[in-house]
Amino acid sequence: MVDDGRPIRPDERSGVLTPTNLERFAANWFDPADAARKAVDTYWSVSWHLPAGQTISQKVLEFPAITVSIESGSVAFPYVVTAVQRRAWTRTIEGSGEVFAIRLRPAGLAVVSDLDPRKLPPEQPITAALDPGLFELVEAIAREGSPAARARRADAVIEGLLSRRPPSPEHVLANTVVDALDQRVRARTGPLLAAQIGVSERAMQRALSLTLGMGPKAVARRIRLQEVVRRFSSSDACAEVDAAAVANDLGYADQSHLINDFRSVTGMSPGAYLRALRALSQTPG
């Protein structure tokens, strides 16, 4: 049973590139029930109420996961499945609205739908024609009034689906690989990781390709960049961050490697990002 959630803090790996917006959007995590954890990594929710004419361009560097979301208000679609993003993406926020999202574990999509992760576009509206089972799931969750109630309902529905559509060994392996990379940000992919898990490199690559549409190196890179953002964005560190020290601590070859990796995914250099954070912190209100 989930509780009433907890705020998403700027010093967590949320991937939000303007962490001061987390409080503004009433961003919260909701832990899944143990019975749903083979399919669900976490639930999260946000809501917003902006004055007429005001917009916010929110850039996000997401965790390497597929997300199912229920949205209302000033949004494009009520139900959306979002594929693993190769680069940071930007969403324009306006008016009023709210989102409740299910961040799936690698094994999760096959439990809740018949969709192929390798064929998903970046964002796909969920309709009865696209996937009747997934549409029925989001409809059931959307009928609940609060994020906490939606998380409880999602737990119950997904627990039932897990009993009827249990993850295959390959899907469970994908969960294990992502967990290992998430817990050890410096972890290297390849023979060492495969040996630690007790499988071949090829088995790891096949499992992640099947479930996320990307390989271990791409997953590890995204998780490490989320950690870079977390360290850069912490309120105490953003004014005096030592990029060289961060690069060394996280296992980059050198500072240039970190800079190039960060720029290629976020579209800006670490220096430009830190300057933007400092400018925001000095803006009244």
C-alpha atoms as a PDB file:
ATOM      1  CA  MET A   1       0.000   0.000   0.000  1.00  0.00           C
ATOM      2  CA  VAL A   2       1.403   3.392  -0.956  1.00  0.00           C
ATOM      3  CA  ASP A   3       1.322   6.405   1.333  1.00  0.00           C
ATOM      4  CA  ASP A   4       0.452   9.976   0.410  1.00  0.00           C
ATOM      5  CA  GLY A   5       3.691  10.429  -1.445  1.00  0.00           C
ATOM      6  CA  ARG A   6       6.732  12.569  -0.775  1.00  0.00           C
ATOM      7  CA  PRO A   7       8.073  15.665  -2.513  1.00  0.00           C
ATOM      8  CA  ILE A   8      10.653  15.204  -5.263  1.00  0.00           C
ATOM      9  CA  ARG A   9      13.681  17.087  -3.948  1.00  0.00           C
ATOM     10  CA  PRO A  10      16.237  19.015  -6.036  1.00  0.00           C
ATOM     11  CA  ASP A  11      19.018  16.805  -4.614  1.00  0.00           C
ATOM     12  CA  GLU A  12      17.457  13.623  -6.038  1.00  0.00           C
ATOM     13  CA  ARG A  13      17.990  12.114  -9.479  1.00  0.00           C
ATOM     14  CA  SER A  14      14.737  13.355 -10.993  1.00  0.00           C
ATOM     15  CA  GLY A  15      16.283  14.542 -14.267  1.00  0.00           C
ATOM     16  CA  VAL A  16      14.496  17.901 -14.030  1.00  0.00           C
ATOM     17  CA  LEU A  17      16.970  20.446 -15.384  1.00  0.00           C
ATOM     18  CA  THR A  18      15.388  23.357 -13.502  1.00  0.00           C
ATOM     19  CA  PRO A  19      15.048  21.834 -10.024  1.00  0.00           C
ATOM     20  CA  THR A  20      13.463  24.964  -8.542  1.00  0.00           C
ATOM     21  CA  ASN A  21      10.362  24.069 -10.573  1.00  0.00           C
ATOM     22  CA  LEU A  22       9.832  20.848  -8.606  1.00  0.00           C
ATOM     23  CA  GLU A  23       8.160  22.673  -5.733  1.00  0.00           C
ATOM     24  CA  ARG A  24       6.303  24.945  -8.124  1.00  0.00           C
ATOM     25  CA  PHE A  25       4.815  21.907  -9.863  1.00  0.00           C
ATOM     26  CA  ALA A  26       3.986  20.141  -6.567  1.00  0.00           C
ATOM     27  CA  ALA A  27       6.101  17.210  -7.767  1.00  0.00           C
ATOM     28  CA  ASN A  28       5.758  14.024  -5.724  1.00  0.00           C
ATOM     29  CA  TRP A  29       6.983  10.435  -5.747  1.00  0.00           C
ATOM     30  CA  PHE A  30       4.726   7.529  -4.766  1.00  0.00           C
ATOM     31  CA  ASP A  31       6.308   4.168  -3.972  1.00  0.00           C
ATOM     32  CA  PRO A  32       4.687   1.116  -5.572  1.00  0.00           C
ATOM     33  CA  ALA A  33       3.481  -1.754  -3.439  1.00  0.00           C
ATOM     34  CA  ASP A  34       5.889  -4.683  -3.173  1.00  0.00           C
ATOM     35  CA  ALA A  35       3.524  -6.828  -5.238  1.00  0.00           C
ATOM     36  CA  ALA A  36       3.845  -4.405  -8.203  1.00  0.00           C
ATOM     37  CA  ARG A  37       7.606  -3.834  -8.088  1.00  0.00           C
ATOM     38  CA  LYS A  38       8.512  -6.307 -10.835  1.00  0.00           C
ATOM     39  CA  ALA A  39       6.687  -3.992 -13.245  1.00  0.00           C
ATOM     40  CA  VAL A  40       6.763  -0.523 -11.624  1.00  0.00           C
ATOM     41  CA  ASP A  41       9.826   1.512 -10.680  1.00  0.00           C
ATOM     42  CA  THR A  42       7.926   4.464  -9.220  1.00  0.00           C
ATOM     43  CA  TYR A  43       4.848   6.647  -9.596  1.00  0.00           C
ATOM     44  CA  TRP A  44       5.100  10.423  -9.777  1.00  0.00           C
ATOM     45  CA  SER A  45       2.723  13.330 -10.065  1.00  0.00           C
ATOM     46  CA  VAL A  46       2.871  17.029 -10.902  1.00  0.00           C
ATOM     47  CA  SER A  47       0.296  19.815 -11.093  1.00  0.00           C
ATOM     48  CA  TRP A  48       0.466  23.450 -12.146  1.00  0.00           C
ATOM     49  CA  HIS A  49      -1.566  26.646 -12.281  1.00  0.00           C
ATOM     50  CA  LEU A  50       0.024  29.410 -14.352  1.00  0.00           C
ATOM     51  CA  PRO A  51      -1.365  32.895 -15.000  1.00  0.00           C
ATOM     52  CA  ALA A  52      -2.913  33.528 -18.424  1.00  0.00           C
ATOM     53  CA  GLY A  53      -0.232  34.081 -21.032  1.00  0.00           C
ATOM     54  CA  GLN A  54       2.615  32.632 -18.962  1.00  0.00           C
ATOM     55  CA  THR A  55       4.493  29.551 -20.156  1.00  0.00           C
ATOM     56  CA  ILE A  56       7.401  27.528 -18.797  1.00  0.00           C
ATOM     57  CA  SER A  57       9.735  25.524 -21.021  1.00  0.00           C
ATOM     58  CA  GLN A  58      10.724  22.611 -18.817  1.00  0.00           C
ATOM     59  CA  LYS A  59      13.666  20.487 -19.967  1.00  0.00           C
ATOM     60  CA  VAL A  60      13.943  16.953 -18.585  1.00  0.00           C
ATOM     61  CA  LEU A  61      16.678  14.338 -18.772  1.00  0.00           C
ATOM     62  CA  GLU A  62      14.633  11.262 -17.982  1.00  0.00           C
ATOM     63  CA  PHE A  63      15.658   7.999 -16.401  1.00  0.00           C
ATOM     64  CA  PRO A  64      15.970   5.286 -19.085  1.00  0.00           C
ATOM     65  CA  ALA A  65      12.449   3.921 -18.680  1.00  0.00           C
ATOM     66  CA  ILE A  66       9.111   3.777 -20.460  1.00  0.00           C
ATOM     67  CA  THR A  67       6.433   5.901 -18.808  1.00  0.00           C
ATOM     68  CA  VAL A  68       2.640   5.691 -18.931  1.00  0.00           C
ATOM     69  CA  SER A  69       0.909   8.933 -17.947  1.00  0.00           C
ATOM     70  CA  ILE A  70      -2.602  10.186 -17.241  1.00  0.00           C
ATOM     71  CA  GLU A  71      -2.939  13.906 -17.958  1.00  0.00           C
ATOM     72  CA  SER A  72      -5.625  16.562 -17.653  1.00  0.00           C
ATOM     73  CA  GLY A  73      -6.032  20.295 -18.140  1.00  0.00           C
ATOM     74  CA  SER A  74      -3.827  22.153 -20.642  1.00  0.00           C
ATOM     75  CA  VAL A  75      -2.382  18.985 -22.174  1.00  0.00           C
ATOM     76  CA  ALA A  76      -2.271  17.455 -25.640  1.00  0.00           C
ATOM     77  CA  PHE A  77      -3.687  14.002 -24.804  1.00  0.00           C
ATOM     78  CA  PRO A  78      -5.328  12.427 -21.738  1.00  0.00           C
ATOM     79  CA  TYR A  79      -3.289   9.209 -21.853  1.00  0.00           C
ATOM     80  CA  VAL A  80       0.269   8.904 -23.152  1.00  0.00           C
ATOM     81  CA  VAL A  81       3.015   6.284 -23.328  1.00  0.00           C
ATOM     82  CA  THR A  82       6.502   7.800 -23.555  1.00  0.00           C
ATOM     83  CA  ALA A  83       9.400   5.782 -24.919  1.00  0.00           C
ATOM     84  CA  VAL A  84      12.958   5.931 -23.628  1.00  0.00           C
ATOM     85  CA  GLN A  85      14.324   9.296 -24.722  1.00  0.00           C
ATOM     86  CA  ARG A  86      17.780   9.479 -26.286  1.00  0.00           C
ATOM     87  CA  ARG A  87      18.205  13.157 -25.440  1.00  0.00           C
ATOM     88  CA  ALA A  88      16.797  15.608 -22.950  1.00  0.00           C
ATOM     89  CA  TRP A  89      13.379  16.804 -24.083  1.00  0.00           C
ATOM     90  CA  THR A  90      11.419  19.991 -23.457  1.00  0.00           C
ATOM     91  CA  ARG A  91       7.772  20.366 -22.578  1.00  0.00           C
ATOM     92  CA  THR A  92       5.972  23.702 -22.668  1.00  0.00           C
ATOM     93  CA  ILE A  93       3.816  24.156 -19.566  1.00  0.00           C
ATOM     94  CA  GLU A  94       0.856  26.556 -19.667  1.00  0.00           C
ATOM     95  CA  GLY A  95      -2.531  27.101 -18.074  1.00  0.00           C
ATOM     96  CA  SER A  96      -3.504  24.523 -15.455  1.00  0.00           C
ATOM     97  CA  GLY A  97      -3.093  20.790 -15.461  1.00  0.00           C
ATOM     98  CA  GLU A  98      -1.874  17.686 -13.741  1.00  0.00           C
ATOM     99  CA  VAL A  99      -0.061  14.483 -14.600  1.00  0.00           C
ATOM    100  CA  PHE A 100       0.049  11.133 -12.835  1.00  0.00           C
ATOM    101  CA  ALA A 101       2.703   8.851 -14.270  1.00  0.00           C
ATOM    102  CA  ILE A 102       3.810   5.251 -13.958  1.00  0.00           C
ATOM    103  CA  ARG A 103       7.539   4.842 -14.563  1.00  0.00           C
ATOM    104  CA  LEU A 104       7.845   1.233 -15.592  1.00  0.00           C
ATOM    105  CA  ARG A 105      10.745  -1.085 -14.944  1.00  0.00           C
ATOM    106  CA  PRO A 106      12.145  -2.749 -18.077  1.00  0.00           C
ATOM    107  CA  ALA A 107       9.843  -5.749 -17.591  1.00  0.00           C
ATOM    108  CA  GLY A 108       6.802  -3.529 -17.062  1.00  0.00           C
ATOM    109  CA  LEU A 109       5.636  -2.707 -20.568  1.00  0.00           C
ATOM    110  CA  ALA A 110       5.106  -6.370 -21.456  1.00  0.00           C
ATOM    111  CA  VAL A 111       3.032  -6.778 -18.288  1.00  0.00           C
ATOM    112  CA  VAL A 112       0.663  -3.856 -18.957  1.00  0.00           C
ATOM    113  CA  SER A 113       0.513  -3.868 -22.763  1.00  0.00           C
ATOM    114  CA  ASP A 114       1.220  -5.618 -26.045  1.00  0.00           C
ATOM    115  CA  LEU A 115       3.320  -2.739 -27.403  1.00  0.00           C
ATOM    116  CA  ASP A 116       6.839  -3.303 -28.725  1.00  0.00           C
ATOM    117  CA  PRO A 117       9.240  -0.834 -27.031  1.00  0.00           C
ATOM    118  CA  ARG A 118      11.533  -0.945 -30.053  1.00  0.00           C
ATOM    119  CA  LYS A 119       8.766   0.495 -32.250  1.00  0.00           C
ATOM    120  CA  LEU A 120       7.415   3.191 -29.952  1.00  0.00           C
ATOM    121  CA  PRO A 121       7.669   6.823 -31.082  1.00  0.00           C
ATOM    122  CA  PRO A 122       8.904   9.324 -28.467  1.00  0.00           C
ATOM    123  CA  GLU A 123       5.300   9.988 -27.381  1.00  0.00           C
ATOM    124  CA  GLN A 124       2.236   7.953 -28.288  1.00  0.00           C
ATOM    125  CA  PRO A 125      -1.375   8.719 -27.295  1.00  0.00           C
ATOM    126  CA  ILE A 126      -2.947   5.665 -25.667  1.00  0.00           C
ATOM    127  CA  THR A 127      -6.243   4.730 -27.283  1.00  0.00           C
ATOM    128  CA  ALA A 128      -8.441   1.657 -27.327  1.00  0.00           C
ATOM    129  CA  ALA A 129      -7.363   1.093 -30.931  1.00  0.00           C
ATOM    130  CA  LEU A 130      -3.664   1.221 -30.023  1.00  0.00           C
ATOM    131  CA  ASP A 131      -3.835  -1.261 -27.137  1.00  0.00           C
ATOM    132  CA  PRO A 132      -7.164  -2.210 -25.523  1.00  0.00           C
ATOM    133  CA  GLY A 133      -5.567  -3.638 -22.388  1.00  0.00           C
ATOM    134  CA  LEU A 134      -3.378  -0.624 -21.700  1.00  0.00           C
ATOM    135  CA  PHE A 135      -6.291   1.719 -22.410  1.00  0.00           C
ATOM    136  CA  GLU A 136      -8.455  -0.187 -19.925  1.00  0.00           C
ATOM    137  CA  LEU A 137      -5.691   0.105 -17.299  1.00  0.00           C
ATOM    138  CA  VAL A 138      -5.286   3.872 -17.616  1.00  0.00           C
ATOM    139  CA  GLU A 139      -9.057   4.379 -17.695  1.00  0.00           C
ATOM    140  CA  ALA A 140      -9.385   2.484 -14.401  1.00  0.00           C
ATOM    141  CA  ILE A 141      -6.596   4.503 -12.774  1.00  0.00           C
ATOM    142  CA  ALA A 142      -7.915   7.826 -14.108  1.00  0.00           C
ATOM    143  CA  ARG A 143     -11.252   7.286 -12.373  1.00  0.00           C
ATOM    144  CA  GLU A 144      -9.519   7.792  -9.006  1.00  0.00           C
ATOM    145  CA  GLY A 145      -9.499  11.366  -7.759  1.00  0.00           C
ATOM    146  CA  SER A 146      -6.092  11.886  -6.134  1.00  0.00           C
ATOM    147  CA  PRO A 147      -2.525  10.848  -7.035  1.00  0.00           C
ATOM    148  CA  ALA A 148      -2.318   8.647  -3.932  1.00  0.00           C
ATOM    149  CA  ALA A 149      -5.581   6.903  -4.826  1.00  0.00           C
ATOM    150  CA  ARG A 150      -4.376   6.448  -8.390  1.00  0.00           C
ATOM    151  CA  ALA A 151      -1.158   4.847  -7.137  1.00  0.00           C
ATOM    152  CA  ARG A 152      -3.138   2.434  -4.963  1.00  0.00           C
ATOM    153  CA  ARG A 153      -5.424   1.580  -7.881  1.00  0.00           C
ATOM    154  CA  ALA A 154      -2.442   1.092 -10.194  1.00  0.00           C
ATOM    155  CA  ASP A 155      -0.875  -1.272  -7.651  1.00  0.00           C
ATOM    156  CA  ALA A 156      -4.010  -3.394  -7.530  1.00  0.00           C
ATOM    157  CA  VAL A 157      -4.491  -3.570 -11.306  1.00  0.00           C
ATOM    158  CA  ILE A 158      -0.828  -4.257 -12.043  1.00  0.00           C
ATOM    159  CA  GLU A 159      -0.638  -6.922  -9.346  1.00  0.00           C
ATOM    160  CA  GLY A 160      -3.476  -8.709 -11.122  1.00  0.00           C
ATOM    161  CA  LEU A 161      -1.742  -8.361 -14.478  1.00  0.00           C
ATOM    162  CA  LEU A 162       1.500  -9.764 -13.049  1.00  0.00           C
ATOM    163  CA  SER A 163      -0.331 -12.913 -11.998  1.00  0.00           C
ATOM    164  CA  ARG A 164      -1.674 -13.376 -15.539  1.00  0.00           C
ATOM    165  CA  ARG A 165       1.335 -12.061 -17.485  1.00  0.00           C
ATOM    166  CA  PRO A 166       4.418 -12.746 -15.359  1.00  0.00           C
ATOM    167  CA  PRO A 167       7.727 -11.381 -16.702  1.00  0.00           C
ATOM    168  CA  SER A 168       9.884 -13.796 -18.673  1.00  0.00           C
ATOM    169  CA  PRO A 169      13.423 -14.613 -17.469  1.00  0.00           C
ATOM    170  CA  GLU A 170      14.750 -12.198 -20.095  1.00  0.00           C
ATOM    171  CA  HIS A 171      12.544  -9.398 -18.778  1.00  0.00           C
ATOM    172  CA  VAL A 172      13.638 -10.127 -15.198  1.00  0.00           C
ATOM    173  CA  LEU A 173      17.271  -9.987 -16.363  1.00  0.00           C
ATOM    174  CA  ALA A 174      16.641  -6.541 -17.855  1.00  0.00           C
ATOM    175  CA  ASN A 175      15.344  -5.378 -14.464  1.00  0.00           C
ATOM    176  CA  THR A 176      18.478  -6.757 -12.800  1.00  0.00           C
ATOM    177  CA  VAL A 177      20.847  -5.008 -15.216  1.00  0.00           C
ATOM    178  CA  VAL A 178      19.179  -1.609 -14.831  1.00  0.00           C
ATOM    179  CA  ASP A 179      19.081  -1.999 -11.049  1.00  0.00           C
ATOM    180  CA  ALA A 180      22.814  -2.750 -11.001  1.00  0.00           C
ATOM    181  CA  LEU A 181      23.613   0.307 -13.128  1.00  0.00           C
ATOM    182  CA  ASP A 182      21.315   2.536 -11.088  1.00  0.00           C
ATOM    183  CA  GLN A 183      22.850   1.472  -7.770  1.00  0.00           C
ATOM    184  CA  ARG A 184      26.455   1.865  -8.941  1.00  0.00           C
ATOM    185  CA  VAL A 185      26.664   4.950 -11.137  1.00  0.00           C
ATOM    186  CA  ARG A 186      30.345   4.332 -11.929  1.00  0.00           C
ATOM    187  CA  ALA A 187      29.606   0.746 -12.983  1.00  0.00           C
ATOM    188  CA  ARG A 188      31.086  -0.277 -16.296  1.00  0.00           C
ATOM    189  CA  THR A 189      29.137  -2.349 -18.769  1.00  0.00           C
ATOM    190  CA  GLY A 190      30.759  -5.257 -20.573  1.00  0.00           C
ATOM    191  CA  PRO A 191      32.382  -8.442 -19.237  1.00  0.00           C
ATOM    192  CA  LEU A 192      32.745  -7.238 -15.630  1.00  0.00           C
ATOM    193  CA  LEU A 193      29.076  -6.356 -15.210  1.00  0.00           C
ATOM    194  CA  ALA A 194      27.998  -9.532 -17.010  1.00  0.00           C
ATOM    195  CA  ALA A 195      30.187 -11.612 -14.695  1.00  0.00           C
ATOM    196  CA  GLN A 196      28.770  -9.879 -11.617  1.00  0.00           C
ATOM    197  CA  ILE A 197      25.239 -10.658 -12.734  1.00  0.00           C
ATOM    198  CA  GLY A 198      26.152 -14.154 -13.925  1.00  0.00           C
ATOM    199  CA  VAL A 199      25.181 -13.890 -17.589  1.00  0.00           C
ATOM    200  CA  SER A 200      26.857 -13.188 -20.911  1.00  0.00           C
ATOM    201  CA  GLU A 201      27.279  -9.726 -22.408  1.00  0.00           C
ATOM    202  CA  ARG A 202      25.062 -10.796 -25.262  1.00  0.00           C
ATOM    203  CA  ALA A 203      22.303 -11.816 -22.859  1.00  0.00           C
ATOM    204  CA  MET A 204      22.397  -8.375 -21.204  1.00  0.00           C
ATOM    205  CA  GLN A 205      22.297  -6.593 -24.542  1.00  0.00           C
ATOM    206  CA  ARG A 206      19.425  -8.717 -25.820  1.00  0.00           C
ATOM    207  CA  ALA A 207      17.377  -8.240 -22.629  1.00  0.00           C
ATOM    208  CA  LEU A 208      17.674  -4.441 -22.665  1.00  0.00           C
ATOM    209  CA  SER A 209      17.064  -4.211 -26.399  1.00  0.00           C
ATOM    210  CA  LEU A 210      13.904  -6.285 -25.996  1.00  0.00           C
ATOM    211  CA  THR A 211      12.532  -4.192 -23.129  1.00  0.00           C
ATOM    212  CA  LEU A 212      13.908  -0.659 -23.622  1.00  0.00           C
ATOM    213  CA  GLY A 213      15.106  -0.555 -27.215  1.00  0.00           C
ATOM    214  CA  MET A 214      18.650   0.382 -26.138  1.00  0.00           C
ATOM    215  CA  GLY A 215      21.769  -1.359 -24.863  1.00  0.00           C
ATOM    216  CA  PRO A 216      23.645  -1.383 -21.534  1.00  0.00           C
ATOM    217  CA  LYS A 217      26.060   1.394 -22.533  1.00  0.00           C
ATOM    218  CA  ALA A 218      23.234   3.761 -23.411  1.00  0.00           C
ATOM    219  CA  VAL A 219      21.414   2.959 -20.154  1.00  0.00           C
ATOM    220  CA  ALA A 220      24.568   3.477 -18.091  1.00  0.00           C
ATOM    221  CA  ARG A 221      25.296   6.756 -19.862  1.00  0.00           C
ATOM    222  CA  ARG A 222      21.827   8.137 -19.143  1.00  0.00           C
ATOM    223  CA  ILE A 223      21.935   7.178 -15.456  1.00  0.00           C
ATOM    224  CA  ARG A 224      25.381   8.720 -15.067  1.00  0.00           C
ATOM    225  CA  LEU A 225      24.221  11.949 -16.716  1.00  0.00           C
ATOM    226  CA  GLN A 226      21.263  12.074 -14.346  1.00  0.00           C
ATOM    227  CA  GLU A 227      23.776  11.932 -11.509  1.00  0.00           C
ATOM    228  CA  VAL A 228      25.775  14.744 -13.138  1.00  0.00           C
ATOM    229  CA  VAL A 229      22.615  16.867 -13.252  1.00  0.00           C
ATOM    230  CA  ARG A 230      21.854  16.037  -9.622  1.00  0.00           C
ATOM    231  CA  ARG A 231      25.283  17.179  -8.490  1.00  0.00           C
ATOM    232  CA  PHE A 232      25.271  20.287 -10.644  1.00  0.00           C
ATOM    233  CA  SER A 233      21.742  21.222  -9.579  1.00  0.00           C
ATOM    234  CA  SER A 234      22.023  20.885  -5.810  1.00  0.00           C
ATOM    235  CA  SER A 235      21.304  24.274  -4.292  1.00  0.00           C
ATOM    236  CA  ASP A 236      24.501  24.291  -2.221  1.00  0.00           C
ATOM    237  CA  ALA A 237      26.793  23.260  -5.052  1.00  0.00           C
ATOM    238  CA  CYS A 238      25.594  25.003  -8.221  1.00  0.00           C
ATOM    239  CA  ALA A 239      27.523  28.198  -7.474  1.00  0.00           C
ATOM    240  CA  GLU A 240      30.882  26.499  -6.944  1.00  0.00           C
ATOM    241  CA  VAL A 241      30.681  23.141  -8.674  1.00  0.00           C
ATOM    242  CA  ASP A 242      33.992  21.534  -9.640  1.00  0.00           C
ATOM    243  CA  ALA A 243      33.285  19.858 -12.969  1.00  0.00           C
ATOM    244  CA  ALA A 244      36.704  18.174 -13.007  1.00  0.00           C
ATOM    245  CA  ALA A 245      36.038  16.609  -9.600  1.00  0.00           C
ATOM    246  CA  VAL A 246      32.579  15.446 -10.698  1.00  0.00           C
ATOM    247  CA  ALA A 247      34.078  13.916 -13.845  1.00  0.00           C
ATOM    248  CA  ASN A 248      36.701  12.055 -11.834  1.00  0.00           C
ATOM    249  CA  ASP A 249      34.243  10.899  -9.189  1.00  0.00           C
ATOM    250  CA  LEU A 250      31.812   9.507 -11.765  1.00  0.00           C
ATOM    251  CA  GLY A 251      34.410   7.682 -13.811  1.00  0.00           C
ATOM    252  CA  TYR A 252      34.688   9.916 -16.876  1.00  0.00           C
ATOM    253  CA  ALA A 253      38.011   9.767 -18.680  1.00  0.00           C
ATOM    254  CA  ASP A 254      38.470  13.485 -18.062  1.00  0.00           C
ATOM    255  CA  GLN A 255      36.537  16.746 -17.765  1.00  0.00           C
ATOM    256  CA  SER A 256      36.265  17.108 -21.555  1.00  0.00           C
ATOM    257  CA  HIS A 257      34.525  13.737 -21.759  1.00  0.00           C
ATOM    258  CA  LEU A 258      31.907  14.892 -19.245  1.00  0.00           C
ATOM    259  CA  ILE A 259      31.434  18.228 -21.040  1.00  0.00           C
ATOM    260  CA  ASN A 260      30.961  16.597 -24.438  1.00  0.00           C
ATOM    261  CA  ASP A 261      28.605  13.947 -23.044  1.00  0.00           C
ATOM    262  CA  PHE A 262      26.507  16.549 -21.227  1.00  0.00           C
ATOM    263  CA  ARG A 263      26.303  18.847 -24.248  1.00  0.00           C
ATOM    264  CA  SER A 264      25.383  16.069 -26.670  1.00  0.00           C
ATOM    265  CA  VAL A 265      22.374  15.026 -24.572  1.00  0.00           C
ATOM    266  CA  THR A 266      21.172  18.318 -23.045  1.00  0.00           C
ATOM    267  CA  GLY A 267      22.112  20.710 -25.855  1.00  0.00           C
ATOM    268  CA  MET A 268      24.169  22.955 -23.555  1.00  0.00           C
ATOM    269  CA  SER A 269      27.550  22.884 -21.874  1.00  0.00           C
ATOM    270  CA  PRO A 270      27.816  22.349 -18.106  1.00  0.00           C
ATOM    271  CA  GLY A 271      29.018  25.946 -17.790  1.00  0.00           C
ATOM    272  CA  ALA A 272      25.983  27.315 -19.615  1.00  0.00           C
ATOM    273  CA  TYR A 273      23.691  25.140 -17.508  1.00  0.00           C
ATOM    274  CA  LEU A 274      25.240  26.325 -14.246  1.00  0.00           C
ATOM    275  CA  ARG A 275      25.016  29.964 -15.341  1.00  0.00           C
ATOM    276  CA  ALA A 276      21.327  29.479 -16.112  1.00  0.00           C
ATOM    277  CA  LEU A 277      20.758  27.965 -12.662  1.00  0.00           C
ATOM    278  CA  ARG A 278      22.528  30.854 -10.968  1.00  0.00           C
ATOM    279  CA  ALA A 279      20.496  33.383 -12.971  1.00  0.00           C
ATOM    280  CA  LEU A 280      17.273  31.687 -11.894  1.00  0.00           C
ATOM    281  CA  SER A 281      18.345  31.662  -8.255  1.00  0.00           C
ATOM    282  CA  GLN A 282      18.911  35.426  -8.415  1.00  0.00           C
ATOM    283  CA  THR A 283      15.561  36.194 -10.054  1.00  0.00           C
ATOM    284  CA  PRO A 284      13.032  37.666  -7.586  1.00  0.00           C
ATOM    285  CA  GLY A 285       9.941  35.487  -6.995  1.00  0.00           C
END
